[in-house]
N, C-alpha and C. Protein backbone atom coordinates (compact mmCIF):
# COMPACT_ATOMS: atom_id res chain seq x y z
N UNK A 1 0.84 -1.18 0.00
CA UNK A 1 0.00 0.00 0.00
C UNK A 1 0.88 1.24 0.00
N UNK A 2 0.51 2.23 -0.79
CA UNK A 2 1.29 3.46 -0.91
C UNK A 2 0.99 4.39 0.26
N UNK A 3 1.99 5.19 0.61
CA UNK A 3 1.83 6.18 1.67
C UNK A 3 2.34 7.52 1.17
N UNK A 4 1.71 8.58 1.58
CA UNK A 4 2.13 9.92 1.20
C UNK A 4 2.57 10.66 2.45
N UNK A 5 3.72 11.32 2.37
CA UNK A 5 4.24 12.08 3.49
C UNK A 5 4.59 13.46 2.98
N UNK A 6 3.97 14.48 3.55
CA UNK A 6 4.22 15.86 3.16
C UNK A 6 5.02 16.52 4.26
N UNK A 7 6.15 17.13 3.90
CA UNK A 7 6.99 17.76 4.90
C UNK A 7 6.97 19.28 4.74
N UNK A 8 7.31 20.00 5.79
CA UNK A 8 7.38 21.46 5.69
C UNK A 8 8.46 21.91 4.72
N UNK A 9 8.43 23.20 4.42
CA UNK A 9 9.36 23.75 3.45
C UNK A 9 10.82 23.61 3.83
N UNK A 10 11.18 23.79 5.07
CA UNK A 10 12.58 23.74 5.48
C UNK A 10 12.70 22.92 6.74
N UNK A 11 13.64 21.99 6.75
CA UNK A 11 13.88 21.16 7.92
C UNK A 11 15.38 21.06 8.15
N UNK A 12 15.80 21.30 9.38
CA UNK A 12 17.19 21.10 9.78
C UNK A 12 17.22 19.90 10.72
N UNK A 13 18.14 18.99 10.48
CA UNK A 13 18.23 17.77 11.28
C UNK A 13 19.68 17.55 11.69
N UNK A 14 19.89 17.08 12.91
CA UNK A 14 21.21 16.65 13.34
C UNK A 14 21.90 17.61 14.28
N UNK A 15 23.13 17.24 14.65
CA UNK A 15 23.92 18.06 15.56
C UNK A 15 24.11 19.46 14.97
N UNK A 16 23.88 20.46 15.78
CA UNK A 16 24.07 21.84 15.34
C UNK A 16 22.92 22.40 14.52
N UNK A 17 21.78 21.69 14.48
CA UNK A 17 20.66 22.12 13.64
C UNK A 17 20.11 23.48 14.06
N UNK A 18 20.02 23.72 15.35
CA UNK A 18 19.48 25.00 15.80
C UNK A 18 20.38 26.16 15.39
N UNK A 19 21.67 26.01 15.58
CA UNK A 19 22.61 27.07 15.18
C UNK A 19 22.58 27.27 13.66
N UNK A 20 22.52 26.18 12.91
CA UNK A 20 22.49 26.28 11.44
C UNK A 20 21.21 26.96 10.96
N UNK A 21 20.12 26.78 11.69
CA UNK A 21 18.83 27.37 11.30
C UNK A 21 18.69 28.82 11.73
N UNK A 22 19.65 29.34 12.47
CA UNK A 22 19.55 30.67 13.05
C UNK A 22 19.14 31.76 12.08
N UNK A 23 19.78 31.84 10.93
CA UNK A 23 19.46 32.91 9.99
C UNK A 23 18.05 32.75 9.42
N UNK A 24 17.62 31.52 9.18
CA UNK A 24 16.26 31.29 8.69
C UNK A 24 15.23 31.64 9.75
N UNK A 25 15.51 31.30 11.00
CA UNK A 25 14.60 31.63 12.09
C UNK A 25 14.44 33.15 12.18
N UNK A 26 15.55 33.84 12.19
CA UNK A 26 15.53 35.30 12.38
C UNK A 26 14.95 36.05 11.18
N UNK A 27 14.92 35.42 10.03
CA UNK A 27 14.36 36.06 8.84
C UNK A 27 12.83 36.08 8.85
N UNK A 28 12.21 35.35 9.78
CA UNK A 28 10.75 35.25 9.78
C UNK A 28 10.04 36.42 10.45
N UNK A 29 10.77 37.25 11.19
CA UNK A 29 10.11 38.37 11.83
C UNK A 29 11.04 39.17 12.71
N UNK A 30 10.46 40.13 13.42
CA UNK A 30 11.26 41.00 14.28
C UNK A 30 11.05 40.73 15.77
N UNK A 31 9.93 40.04 16.11
CA UNK A 31 9.70 39.71 17.51
C UNK A 31 8.94 38.39 17.61
N UNK A 32 9.51 37.47 18.37
CA UNK A 32 8.94 36.12 18.50
C UNK A 32 8.28 35.92 19.85
N UNK A 33 7.20 35.17 19.83
CA UNK A 33 6.65 34.60 21.05
C UNK A 33 7.21 33.18 21.11
N UNK A 34 7.95 32.87 22.15
CA UNK A 34 8.50 31.53 22.33
C UNK A 34 7.58 30.80 23.31
N UNK A 35 7.01 29.70 22.86
CA UNK A 35 6.09 28.91 23.67
C UNK A 35 6.85 27.66 24.14
N UNK A 36 6.94 27.47 25.45
CA UNK A 36 7.75 26.38 25.98
C UNK A 36 7.27 26.01 27.38
N UNK A 37 7.98 25.09 27.98
CA UNK A 37 7.74 24.72 29.37
C UNK A 37 8.96 25.10 30.20
N UNK A 38 8.86 24.95 31.50
CA UNK A 38 9.95 25.33 32.40
C UNK A 38 11.22 24.50 32.19
N UNK A 39 11.09 23.25 31.73
CA UNK A 39 12.28 22.38 31.62
C UNK A 39 13.30 22.93 30.64
N UNK A 40 12.87 23.56 29.56
CA UNK A 40 13.82 24.11 28.58
C UNK A 40 14.62 25.26 29.19
N UNK A 41 14.01 25.99 30.09
CA UNK A 41 14.69 27.10 30.76
C UNK A 41 15.62 26.55 31.84
N UNK A 42 15.10 25.68 32.69
CA UNK A 42 15.88 25.13 33.80
C UNK A 42 17.13 24.39 33.33
N UNK A 43 17.04 23.72 32.20
CA UNK A 43 18.17 22.94 31.72
C UNK A 43 19.11 23.75 30.81
N UNK A 44 18.81 25.02 30.61
CA UNK A 44 19.71 25.90 29.87
C UNK A 44 19.55 25.92 28.36
N UNK A 45 18.59 25.17 27.82
CA UNK A 45 18.44 25.11 26.37
C UNK A 45 17.84 26.38 25.79
N UNK A 46 17.03 27.08 26.58
CA UNK A 46 16.41 28.32 26.11
C UNK A 46 17.47 29.37 25.79
N UNK A 47 18.55 29.38 26.54
CA UNK A 47 19.61 30.36 26.33
C UNK A 47 20.22 30.23 24.93
N UNK A 48 20.34 29.01 24.43
CA UNK A 48 20.87 28.82 23.08
C UNK A 48 19.99 29.54 22.07
N UNK A 49 18.69 29.35 22.19
CA UNK A 49 17.75 29.98 21.27
C UNK A 49 17.71 31.49 21.43
N UNK A 50 17.63 31.97 22.66
CA UNK A 50 17.55 33.42 22.87
C UNK A 50 18.85 34.12 22.47
N UNK A 51 19.97 33.45 22.62
CA UNK A 51 21.24 34.03 22.15
C UNK A 51 21.22 34.22 20.64
N UNK A 52 20.71 33.22 19.92
CA UNK A 52 20.62 33.33 18.45
C UNK A 52 19.73 34.50 18.08
N UNK A 53 18.58 34.61 18.72
CA UNK A 53 17.67 35.72 18.41
C UNK A 53 18.31 37.06 18.74
N UNK A 54 18.89 37.16 19.93
CA UNK A 54 19.52 38.41 20.35
C UNK A 54 20.66 38.84 19.46
N UNK A 55 21.49 37.91 19.05
CA UNK A 55 22.63 38.23 18.18
C UNK A 55 22.19 38.73 16.81
N UNK A 56 20.95 38.40 16.43
CA UNK A 56 20.43 38.82 15.13
C UNK A 56 19.41 39.96 15.24
N UNK A 57 19.33 40.58 16.43
CA UNK A 57 18.46 41.72 16.61
C UNK A 57 16.98 41.40 16.62
N UNK A 58 16.63 40.17 16.91
CA UNK A 58 15.23 39.77 16.96
C UNK A 58 14.77 39.76 18.42
N UNK A 59 13.71 40.49 18.71
CA UNK A 59 13.17 40.51 20.06
C UNK A 59 12.35 39.26 20.34
N UNK A 60 12.06 39.03 21.60
CA UNK A 60 11.27 37.85 21.96
C UNK A 60 10.64 38.04 23.33
N UNK A 61 9.56 37.31 23.55
CA UNK A 61 8.96 37.14 24.86
C UNK A 61 8.75 35.64 25.03
N UNK A 62 8.81 35.18 26.27
CA UNK A 62 8.74 33.75 26.53
C UNK A 62 7.47 33.42 27.32
N UNK A 63 6.68 32.53 26.78
CA UNK A 63 5.52 31.97 27.47
C UNK A 63 5.96 30.59 27.96
N UNK A 64 6.34 30.50 29.22
CA UNK A 64 6.87 29.25 29.77
C UNK A 64 5.89 28.56 30.70
N UNK A 65 4.62 28.84 30.54
CA UNK A 65 3.60 28.28 31.43
C UNK A 65 2.98 26.99 30.91
N UNK A 66 3.52 26.44 29.85
CA UNK A 66 2.94 25.22 29.29
C UNK A 66 3.42 24.03 30.12
N UNK A 67 2.48 23.41 30.80
CA UNK A 67 2.80 22.24 31.62
C UNK A 67 1.74 21.18 31.37
N UNK A 68 2.16 20.07 30.86
CA UNK A 68 1.21 19.02 30.52
C UNK A 68 0.38 19.41 29.31
N UNK A 69 -0.76 18.78 29.18
CA UNK A 69 -1.63 19.09 28.04
C UNK A 69 -2.10 20.53 28.12
N UNK A 70 -2.03 21.27 27.01
CA UNK A 70 -2.44 22.67 27.04
C UNK A 70 -3.94 22.83 27.30
N UNK A 71 -4.27 23.84 28.08
CA UNK A 71 -5.67 24.15 28.37
C UNK A 71 -6.07 25.40 27.60
N UNK A 72 -7.37 25.66 27.57
CA UNK A 72 -7.87 26.88 26.94
C UNK A 72 -7.23 28.11 27.57
N UNK A 73 -7.06 28.09 28.88
CA UNK A 73 -6.49 29.22 29.61
C UNK A 73 -5.05 29.46 29.14
N UNK A 74 -4.26 28.41 29.03
CA UNK A 74 -2.88 28.56 28.56
C UNK A 74 -2.83 29.16 27.15
N UNK A 75 -3.73 28.71 26.28
CA UNK A 75 -3.77 29.21 24.90
C UNK A 75 -4.16 30.69 24.90
N UNK A 76 -5.17 31.05 25.67
CA UNK A 76 -5.62 32.45 25.72
C UNK A 76 -4.54 33.35 26.31
N UNK A 77 -3.82 32.89 27.33
CA UNK A 77 -2.72 33.69 27.90
C UNK A 77 -1.60 33.87 26.88
N UNK A 78 -1.29 32.82 26.13
CA UNK A 78 -0.26 32.92 25.09
C UNK A 78 -0.67 33.89 23.99
N UNK A 79 -1.93 33.84 23.58
CA UNK A 79 -2.44 34.77 22.57
C UNK A 79 -2.32 36.20 23.05
N UNK A 80 -2.69 36.44 24.31
CA UNK A 80 -2.59 37.77 24.89
C UNK A 80 -1.14 38.26 24.91
N UNK A 81 -0.20 37.40 25.27
CA UNK A 81 1.22 37.77 25.24
C UNK A 81 1.65 38.15 23.83
N UNK A 82 1.24 37.36 22.84
CA UNK A 82 1.57 37.63 21.44
C UNK A 82 1.06 39.01 21.04
N UNK A 83 -0.19 39.29 21.35
CA UNK A 83 -0.81 40.55 20.94
C UNK A 83 -0.24 41.75 21.71
N UNK A 84 -0.12 41.64 23.02
CA UNK A 84 0.36 42.77 23.84
C UNK A 84 1.81 43.13 23.56
N UNK A 85 2.60 42.18 23.07
CA UNK A 85 4.02 42.41 22.82
C UNK A 85 4.33 42.61 21.34
N UNK A 86 3.30 42.76 20.51
CA UNK A 86 3.46 43.01 19.07
C UNK A 86 4.38 42.00 18.41
N UNK A 87 4.17 40.73 18.71
CA UNK A 87 4.97 39.67 18.08
C UNK A 87 4.50 39.48 16.64
N UNK A 88 5.40 38.97 15.80
CA UNK A 88 5.01 38.70 14.42
C UNK A 88 5.34 37.29 13.96
N UNK A 89 5.89 36.46 14.85
CA UNK A 89 6.02 35.03 14.58
C UNK A 89 6.11 34.28 15.90
N UNK A 90 5.94 32.94 15.81
CA UNK A 90 5.86 32.11 17.01
C UNK A 90 6.82 30.94 16.90
N UNK A 91 7.50 30.66 18.02
CA UNK A 91 8.39 29.51 18.10
C UNK A 91 7.87 28.57 19.18
N UNK A 92 7.68 27.31 18.85
CA UNK A 92 7.35 26.29 19.82
C UNK A 92 8.62 25.52 20.13
N UNK A 93 8.99 25.43 21.41
CA UNK A 93 10.28 24.84 21.79
C UNK A 93 10.05 23.83 22.91
N UNK A 94 10.22 22.56 22.62
CA UNK A 94 10.04 21.53 23.64
C UNK A 94 9.35 20.31 23.09
N UNK A 95 8.55 19.68 23.94
CA UNK A 95 7.82 18.48 23.56
C UNK A 95 6.50 18.81 22.88
N UNK A 96 5.63 17.83 22.84
CA UNK A 96 4.36 17.97 22.14
C UNK A 96 3.47 19.08 22.65
N UNK A 97 3.43 19.29 23.96
CA UNK A 97 2.52 20.31 24.51
C UNK A 97 2.89 21.73 24.09
N UNK A 98 4.17 22.15 24.18
CA UNK A 98 4.50 23.48 23.67
C UNK A 98 4.25 23.63 22.16
N UNK A 99 4.50 22.56 21.40
CA UNK A 99 4.28 22.65 19.96
C UNK A 99 2.79 22.72 19.64
N UNK A 100 1.97 21.94 20.34
CA UNK A 100 0.52 22.02 20.16
C UNK A 100 0.02 23.40 20.55
N UNK A 101 0.53 23.94 21.64
CA UNK A 101 0.12 25.27 22.10
C UNK A 101 0.49 26.34 21.08
N UNK A 102 1.69 26.24 20.52
CA UNK A 102 2.13 27.20 19.51
C UNK A 102 1.13 27.22 18.35
N UNK A 103 0.73 26.06 17.87
CA UNK A 103 -0.19 25.98 16.74
C UNK A 103 -1.56 26.56 17.09
N UNK A 104 -2.03 26.29 18.29
CA UNK A 104 -3.33 26.81 18.71
C UNK A 104 -3.29 28.33 18.84
N UNK A 105 -2.22 28.85 19.42
CA UNK A 105 -2.08 30.31 19.55
C UNK A 105 -2.02 30.95 18.17
N UNK A 106 -1.24 30.38 17.27
CA UNK A 106 -1.12 30.93 15.91
C UNK A 106 -2.48 30.95 15.21
N UNK A 107 -3.27 29.91 15.40
CA UNK A 107 -4.59 29.85 14.77
C UNK A 107 -5.47 31.00 15.25
N UNK A 108 -5.37 31.35 16.53
CA UNK A 108 -6.23 32.40 17.07
C UNK A 108 -5.73 33.82 16.78
N UNK A 109 -4.48 33.95 16.36
CA UNK A 109 -3.96 35.27 16.02
C UNK A 109 -4.76 35.87 14.87
N UNK A 110 -5.13 35.06 13.90
CA UNK A 110 -5.82 35.57 12.71
C UNK A 110 -7.25 35.06 12.56
N UNK A 111 -7.72 34.35 13.55
CA UNK A 111 -9.07 33.81 13.50
C UNK A 111 -9.81 34.24 14.77
N UNK A 112 -10.98 34.85 14.64
CA UNK A 112 -11.69 35.36 15.82
C UNK A 112 -12.25 34.24 16.68
N UNK A 113 -12.52 34.57 17.93
CA UNK A 113 -13.19 33.65 18.82
C UNK A 113 -12.23 32.89 19.72
N UNK A 114 -12.73 31.81 20.26
CA UNK A 114 -11.99 30.95 21.18
C UNK A 114 -11.59 29.67 20.45
N UNK A 115 -10.64 28.95 21.01
CA UNK A 115 -10.15 27.74 20.36
C UNK A 115 -11.27 26.72 20.18
N UNK A 116 -12.21 26.67 21.12
CA UNK A 116 -13.29 25.68 20.99
C UNK A 116 -14.22 25.97 19.81
N UNK A 117 -14.18 27.19 19.28
CA UNK A 117 -14.98 27.52 18.10
C UNK A 117 -14.49 26.78 16.86
N UNK A 118 -13.30 26.24 16.90
CA UNK A 118 -12.69 25.61 15.73
C UNK A 118 -12.60 24.09 15.85
N UNK A 119 -13.32 23.52 16.78
CA UNK A 119 -13.30 22.08 16.98
C UNK A 119 -13.71 21.36 15.70
N UNK A 120 -12.80 20.56 15.16
CA UNK A 120 -13.10 19.77 13.97
C UNK A 120 -13.21 20.57 12.69
N UNK A 121 -12.89 21.85 12.72
CA UNK A 121 -13.01 22.71 11.53
C UNK A 121 -11.63 22.97 10.94
N UNK A 122 -11.63 23.26 9.66
CA UNK A 122 -10.38 23.63 8.99
C UNK A 122 -10.21 25.14 9.11
N UNK A 123 -9.02 25.55 9.52
CA UNK A 123 -8.70 26.97 9.66
C UNK A 123 -8.16 27.46 8.33
N UNK A 124 -8.85 28.41 7.73
CA UNK A 124 -8.48 28.84 6.39
C UNK A 124 -7.68 30.14 6.36
N UNK A 125 -7.79 30.98 7.39
CA UNK A 125 -7.02 32.23 7.41
C UNK A 125 -5.54 31.91 7.58
N UNK A 126 -4.71 32.72 6.93
CA UNK A 126 -3.27 32.59 7.10
C UNK A 126 -2.92 32.80 8.56
N UNK A 127 -1.98 32.04 9.04
CA UNK A 127 -1.50 32.20 10.41
C UNK A 127 -0.11 32.80 10.37
N UNK A 128 0.37 33.37 11.47
CA UNK A 128 1.72 33.92 11.46
C UNK A 128 2.75 32.81 11.26
N UNK A 129 3.95 33.16 10.82
CA UNK A 129 4.98 32.13 10.67
C UNK A 129 5.22 31.41 11.99
N UNK A 130 5.43 30.09 11.88
CA UNK A 130 5.67 29.25 13.06
C UNK A 130 6.94 28.45 12.86
N UNK A 131 7.66 28.26 13.93
CA UNK A 131 8.85 27.43 13.93
C UNK A 131 8.68 26.40 15.04
N UNK A 132 8.76 25.14 14.70
CA UNK A 132 8.66 24.07 15.69
C UNK A 132 10.06 23.53 15.96
N UNK A 133 10.46 23.56 17.20
CA UNK A 133 11.76 23.00 17.60
C UNK A 133 11.47 21.87 18.59
N UNK A 134 11.22 20.68 18.05
CA UNK A 134 10.89 19.56 18.94
C UNK A 134 12.14 19.02 19.62
N UNK A 135 12.01 18.76 20.89
CA UNK A 135 13.13 18.16 21.64
C UNK A 135 12.83 16.71 21.96
N UNK A 136 11.66 16.25 21.53
CA UNK A 136 11.30 14.85 21.67
C UNK A 136 10.65 14.43 20.36
N UNK A 137 10.67 13.17 20.06
CA UNK A 137 9.99 12.66 18.87
C UNK A 137 9.50 11.24 19.13
N UNK A 138 9.13 10.96 20.35
CA UNK A 138 8.72 9.61 20.72
C UNK A 138 7.54 9.10 19.93
N UNK A 139 6.51 9.93 19.76
CA UNK A 139 5.32 9.49 19.03
C UNK A 139 5.22 10.18 17.68
N UNK A 140 6.15 11.05 17.38
CA UNK A 140 6.14 11.86 16.15
C UNK A 140 4.96 12.80 16.11
N UNK A 141 4.27 13.02 17.21
CA UNK A 141 3.14 13.94 17.27
C UNK A 141 3.56 15.34 16.85
N UNK A 142 4.81 15.70 17.17
CA UNK A 142 5.30 17.03 16.85
C UNK A 142 5.37 17.27 15.36
N UNK A 143 5.34 16.22 14.57
CA UNK A 143 5.49 16.36 13.14
C UNK A 143 4.15 16.38 12.41
N UNK A 144 3.06 16.25 13.12
CA UNK A 144 1.74 16.26 12.50
C UNK A 144 1.23 17.69 12.40
N UNK A 145 0.44 17.94 11.38
CA UNK A 145 -0.12 19.28 11.20
C UNK A 145 -1.54 19.27 11.75
N UNK A 146 -1.67 18.84 12.96
CA UNK A 146 -2.94 18.81 13.66
C UNK A 146 -2.62 19.04 15.12
N UNK A 147 -3.46 19.75 15.80
CA UNK A 147 -3.23 19.90 17.22
C UNK A 147 -4.52 19.57 17.95
N UNK A 148 -4.39 19.28 19.21
CA UNK A 148 -5.54 18.92 20.01
C UNK A 148 -5.77 19.98 21.06
N UNK A 149 -7.00 20.26 21.32
CA UNK A 149 -7.37 21.22 22.34
C UNK A 149 -7.87 20.44 23.54
N UNK A 150 -7.28 20.68 24.66
CA UNK A 150 -7.65 19.98 25.87
C UNK A 150 -8.81 20.69 26.53
N UNK A 151 -9.81 19.93 26.87
CA UNK A 151 -10.96 20.47 27.56
C UNK A 151 -10.97 19.90 28.97
N UNK A 152 -10.45 20.63 29.95
CA UNK A 152 -10.38 20.08 31.29
C UNK A 152 -11.73 19.70 31.87
N UNK A 153 -12.77 20.44 31.49
CA UNK A 153 -14.08 20.15 32.04
C UNK A 153 -14.72 18.93 31.39
N UNK A 154 -14.25 18.54 30.23
CA UNK A 154 -14.77 17.34 29.57
C UNK A 154 -13.80 16.17 29.66
N UNK A 155 -12.56 16.45 30.07
CA UNK A 155 -11.52 15.43 30.23
C UNK A 155 -11.28 14.65 28.94
N UNK A 156 -11.20 15.35 27.83
CA UNK A 156 -10.85 14.69 26.58
C UNK A 156 -10.24 15.71 25.62
N UNK A 157 -9.57 15.19 24.61
CA UNK A 157 -9.00 16.05 23.60
C UNK A 157 -9.83 15.95 22.34
N UNK A 158 -9.92 17.06 21.61
CA UNK A 158 -10.62 17.05 20.34
C UNK A 158 -9.74 17.73 19.31
N UNK A 159 -9.70 17.20 18.09
CA UNK A 159 -8.79 17.77 17.08
C UNK A 159 -9.31 19.07 16.48
N UNK A 160 -8.38 19.92 16.16
CA UNK A 160 -8.64 21.13 15.39
C UNK A 160 -7.69 21.05 14.21
N UNK A 161 -8.21 21.15 13.01
CA UNK A 161 -7.36 20.98 11.83
C UNK A 161 -6.96 22.32 11.24
N UNK A 162 -5.82 22.33 10.59
CA UNK A 162 -5.38 23.53 9.88
C UNK A 162 -4.77 23.11 8.56
N UNK A 163 -4.63 24.04 7.65
CA UNK A 163 -4.23 23.68 6.30
C UNK A 163 -2.83 24.13 5.93
N UNK A 164 -2.22 24.99 6.70
CA UNK A 164 -0.91 25.53 6.34
C UNK A 164 0.19 24.73 7.03
N UNK A 165 1.25 24.44 6.30
CA UNK A 165 2.33 23.65 6.90
C UNK A 165 3.21 24.51 7.79
N UNK A 166 3.93 23.86 8.65
CA UNK A 166 4.80 24.54 9.61
C UNK A 166 6.19 24.75 9.05
N UNK A 167 6.89 25.73 9.60
CA UNK A 167 8.33 25.82 9.43
C UNK A 167 8.88 24.93 10.53
N UNK A 168 9.62 23.92 10.20
CA UNK A 168 10.04 22.93 11.19
C UNK A 168 11.56 22.88 11.27
N UNK A 169 12.09 23.09 12.46
CA UNK A 169 13.53 23.08 12.66
C UNK A 169 13.87 22.17 13.84
N UNK A 170 14.00 20.87 13.61
CA UNK A 170 14.37 20.00 14.74
C UNK A 170 15.72 20.40 15.32
N UNK A 171 15.79 20.41 16.62
CA UNK A 171 17.01 20.80 17.31
C UNK A 171 18.02 19.66 17.31
N UNK A 172 19.27 20.02 17.53
CA UNK A 172 20.30 19.00 17.65
C UNK A 172 19.99 18.08 18.82
N UNK A 173 20.69 16.98 18.89
CA UNK A 173 20.46 16.03 19.98
C UNK A 173 20.66 16.71 21.32
N UNK A 174 19.67 16.55 22.16
CA UNK A 174 19.75 17.12 23.50
C UNK A 174 19.54 15.98 24.48
N UNK A 175 20.38 15.94 25.47
CA UNK A 175 20.22 14.92 26.51
C UNK A 175 19.52 15.58 27.68
N UNK A 176 18.29 15.20 27.88
CA UNK A 176 17.53 15.74 28.98
C UNK A 176 17.83 14.93 30.24
N UNK A 177 17.85 15.62 31.36
CA UNK A 177 18.07 14.94 32.63
C UNK A 177 16.76 14.29 33.07
N UNK A 178 16.81 13.03 33.37
CA UNK A 178 15.63 12.32 33.85
C UNK A 178 15.83 11.99 35.31
N UNK A 179 14.87 12.28 36.12
CA UNK A 179 14.98 12.03 37.56
C UNK A 179 13.96 11.01 37.97
């Protein structure tokens, strides 16, 4: 049986991928919203990314409140950070939850309403440029062009579809500390 695999326009893979992607990342805008969790900051990986942005004159704000499955509240707070800080592109840095959150926030930048308004619908408005920097690939969820919206009050996830592909920049091998 045949299979079709569609990949984003640009992908960097292997040791030094983040540094090699620096000029492409910085060409996407003047101010980034970085969506991540606390582990990327605590382990020092965020500094690598922010150094690249800073050296290229690109401003940034960090939304590091993503913990576990993203909630509506996390998405709305990220959207507010994007808007209040005049960001023009979004970087998701970490595992599946920050990357899912990045996609949900990007969808709401150019589409009115709340994330639940788009349950099972295709998002047709252009979204801001996105960069996914996955630090895990256990289930390859980070590579799918679909994100799930967590509904804490219903205790289930529901898909929200979008039609535009991501800018994807896998980071070099990172050894995370496991406790």
